[in-house]
Amino acid sequence: MPQQQIDINQLNQVKANVTLTQTPIEKSSSDPTMEQEAIKQAAQEIAQAQSSVNQVYNTVQAQQAERFWGLSRLIDSKQE
């Protein structure tokens, strides 16, 4: 199984997007319609961020499992 790479640039982009979402919400607080749209946009961006974080988490989990099974096979082969 080829090892998957974690895309640090993708995580940095997610962080930047979530940070940029704060400003429109703060600026739109005097206009309920604009505020609602800004919150809706923020919710979408947060969902995308969560998806990206989940992808990274799954990649890390897969890498750990691959290492574990590799070590397990190595130990088994040494015991034979």
C-alpha atoms as a PDB file:
ATOM      1  CA  MET A   1       0.000   0.000   0.000  1.00  0.00           C
ATOM      2  CA  PRO A   2       1.652   3.311  -1.041  1.00  0.00           C
ATOM      3  CA  GLN A   3       2.024   5.846   1.718  1.00  0.00           C
ATOM      4  CA  GLN A   4      -0.267   8.865   1.382  1.00  0.00           C
ATOM      5  CA  GLN A   5       1.133  12.343   1.834  1.00  0.00           C
ATOM      6  CA  ILE A   6      -0.431  14.987   4.069  1.00  0.00           C
ATOM      7  CA  ASP A   7      -0.947  18.220   2.152  1.00  0.00           C
ATOM      8  CA  ILE A   8       0.218  20.924   4.572  1.00  0.00           C
ATOM      9  CA  ASN A   9      -0.624  23.630   2.019  1.00  0.00           C
ATOM     10  CA  GLN A  10      -4.229  22.445   2.000  1.00  0.00           C
ATOM     11  CA  LEU A  11      -4.388  22.693   5.792  1.00  0.00           C
ATOM     12  CA  ASN A  12      -2.886  26.182   5.723  1.00  0.00           C
ATOM     13  CA  GLN A  13      -5.457  27.232   3.115  1.00  0.00           C
ATOM     14  CA  VAL A  14      -8.263  25.880   5.282  1.00  0.00           C
ATOM     15  CA  LYS A  15      -6.949  27.819   8.262  1.00  0.00           C
ATOM     16  CA  ALA A  16      -6.748  31.015   6.206  1.00  0.00           C
ATOM     17  CA  ASN A  17     -10.285  30.554   4.867  1.00  0.00           C
ATOM     18  CA  VAL A  18     -11.758  30.072   8.326  1.00  0.00           C
ATOM     19  CA  THR A  19      -9.853  33.101   9.625  1.00  0.00           C
ATOM     20  CA  LEU A  20     -11.060  35.252   6.710  1.00  0.00           C
ATOM     21  CA  THR A  21     -14.638  34.228   7.439  1.00  0.00           C
ATOM     22  CA  GLN A  22     -14.593  36.042  10.782  1.00  0.00           C
ATOM     23  CA  THR A  23     -14.303  39.533   9.274  1.00  0.00           C
ATOM     24  CA  PRO A  24     -17.486  39.484   7.139  1.00  0.00           C
ATOM     25  CA  ILE A  25     -19.508  38.254  10.107  1.00  0.00           C
ATOM     26  CA  GLU A  26     -18.151  41.028  12.319  1.00  0.00           C
ATOM     27  CA  LYS A  27     -18.765  43.701   9.658  1.00  0.00           C
ATOM     28  CA  SER A  28     -22.276  42.514   8.869  1.00  0.00           C
ATOM     29  CA  SER A  29     -23.545  42.554  12.445  1.00  0.00           C
ATOM     30  CA  SER A  30     -25.519  45.758  11.792  1.00  0.00           C
ATOM     31  CA  ASP A  31     -27.379  44.205   8.820  1.00  0.00           C
ATOM     32  CA  PRO A  32     -29.273  41.017   9.716  1.00  0.00           C
ATOM     33  CA  THR A  33     -29.544  39.848   6.089  1.00  0.00           C
ATOM     34  CA  MET A  34     -25.824  40.300   5.440  1.00  0.00           C
ATOM     35  CA  GLU A  35     -25.043  38.692   8.774  1.00  0.00           C
ATOM     36  CA  GLN A  36     -27.154  35.653   7.911  1.00  0.00           C
ATOM     37  CA  GLU A  37     -25.395  35.267   4.546  1.00  0.00           C
ATOM     38  CA  ALA A  38     -21.985  35.664   6.161  1.00  0.00           C
ATOM     39  CA  ILE A  39     -22.842  33.007   8.729  1.00  0.00           C
ATOM     40  CA  LYS A  40     -24.114  30.670   5.994  1.00  0.00           C
ATOM     41  CA  GLN A  41     -20.852  31.149   4.072  1.00  0.00           C
ATOM     42  CA  ALA A  42     -18.846  30.582   7.253  1.00  0.00           C
ATOM     43  CA  ALA A  43     -20.739  27.357   7.937  1.00  0.00           C
ATOM     44  CA  GLN A  44     -19.891  26.079   4.443  1.00  0.00           C
ATOM     45  CA  GLU A  45     -16.230  26.955   4.859  1.00  0.00           C
ATOM     46  CA  ILE A  46     -16.100  25.335   8.278  1.00  0.00           C
ATOM     47  CA  ALA A  47     -17.663  22.178   6.824  1.00  0.00           C
ATOM     48  CA  GLN A  48     -14.986  22.160   4.114  1.00  0.00           C
ATOM     49  CA  ALA A  49     -12.318  22.671   6.764  1.00  0.00           C
ATOM     50  CA  GLN A  50     -13.699  19.769   8.797  1.00  0.00           C
ATOM     51  CA  SER A  51     -13.636  17.578   5.705  1.00  0.00           C
ATOM     52  CA  SER A  52      -9.993  18.454   5.072  1.00  0.00           C
ATOM     53  CA  VAL A  53      -9.075  17.780   8.694  1.00  0.00           C
ATOM     54  CA  ASN A  54     -10.860  14.428   8.505  1.00  0.00           C
ATOM     55  CA  GLN A  55      -8.888  13.536   5.376  1.00  0.00           C
ATOM     56  CA  VAL A  56      -5.626  14.317   7.156  1.00  0.00           C
ATOM     57  CA  TYR A  57      -6.732  12.373  10.226  1.00  0.00           C
ATOM     58  CA  ASN A  58      -7.616   9.350   8.084  1.00  0.00           C
ATOM     59  CA  THR A  59      -4.265   9.568   6.298  1.00  0.00           C
ATOM     60  CA  VAL A  60      -2.400   9.619   9.599  1.00  0.00           C
ATOM     61  CA  GLN A  61      -4.455   6.695  10.894  1.00  0.00           C
ATOM     62  CA  ALA A  62      -3.722   4.698   7.734  1.00  0.00           C
ATOM     63  CA  GLN A  63      -0.003   5.450   8.033  1.00  0.00           C
ATOM     64  CA  GLN A  64       0.026   4.323  11.655  1.00  0.00           C
ATOM     65  CA  ALA A  65      -1.824   1.109  10.799  1.00  0.00           C
ATOM     66  CA  GLU A  66       0.607   0.427   7.961  1.00  0.00           C
ATOM     67  CA  ARG A  67       3.581   0.894  10.303  1.00  0.00           C
ATOM     68  CA  PHE A  68       1.980  -1.298  12.965  1.00  0.00           C
ATOM     69  CA  TRP A  69       1.322  -4.164  10.572  1.00  0.00           C
ATOM     70  CA  GLY A  70       4.795  -3.813   9.098  1.00  0.00           C
ATOM     71  CA  LEU A  71       6.358  -4.075  12.543  1.00  0.00           C
ATOM     72  CA  SER A  72       4.051  -6.928  13.445  1.00  0.00           C
ATOM     73  CA  ARG A  73       5.114  -8.884  10.340  1.00  0.00           C
ATOM     74  CA  LEU A  74       8.776  -8.136  11.095  1.00  0.00           C
ATOM     75  CA  ILE A  75       8.416  -9.407  14.662  1.00  0.00           C
ATOM     76  CA  ASP A  76       6.584 -12.516  13.461  1.00  0.00           C
ATOM     77  CA  SER A  77       9.298 -13.269  10.897  1.00  0.00           C
ATOM     78  CA  LYS A  78      12.025 -12.942  13.566  1.00  0.00           C
ATOM     79  CA  GLN A  79      10.207 -15.358  15.875  1.00  0.00           C
ATOM     80  CA  GLU A  80      10.010 -18.093  13.260  1.00  0.00           C
END
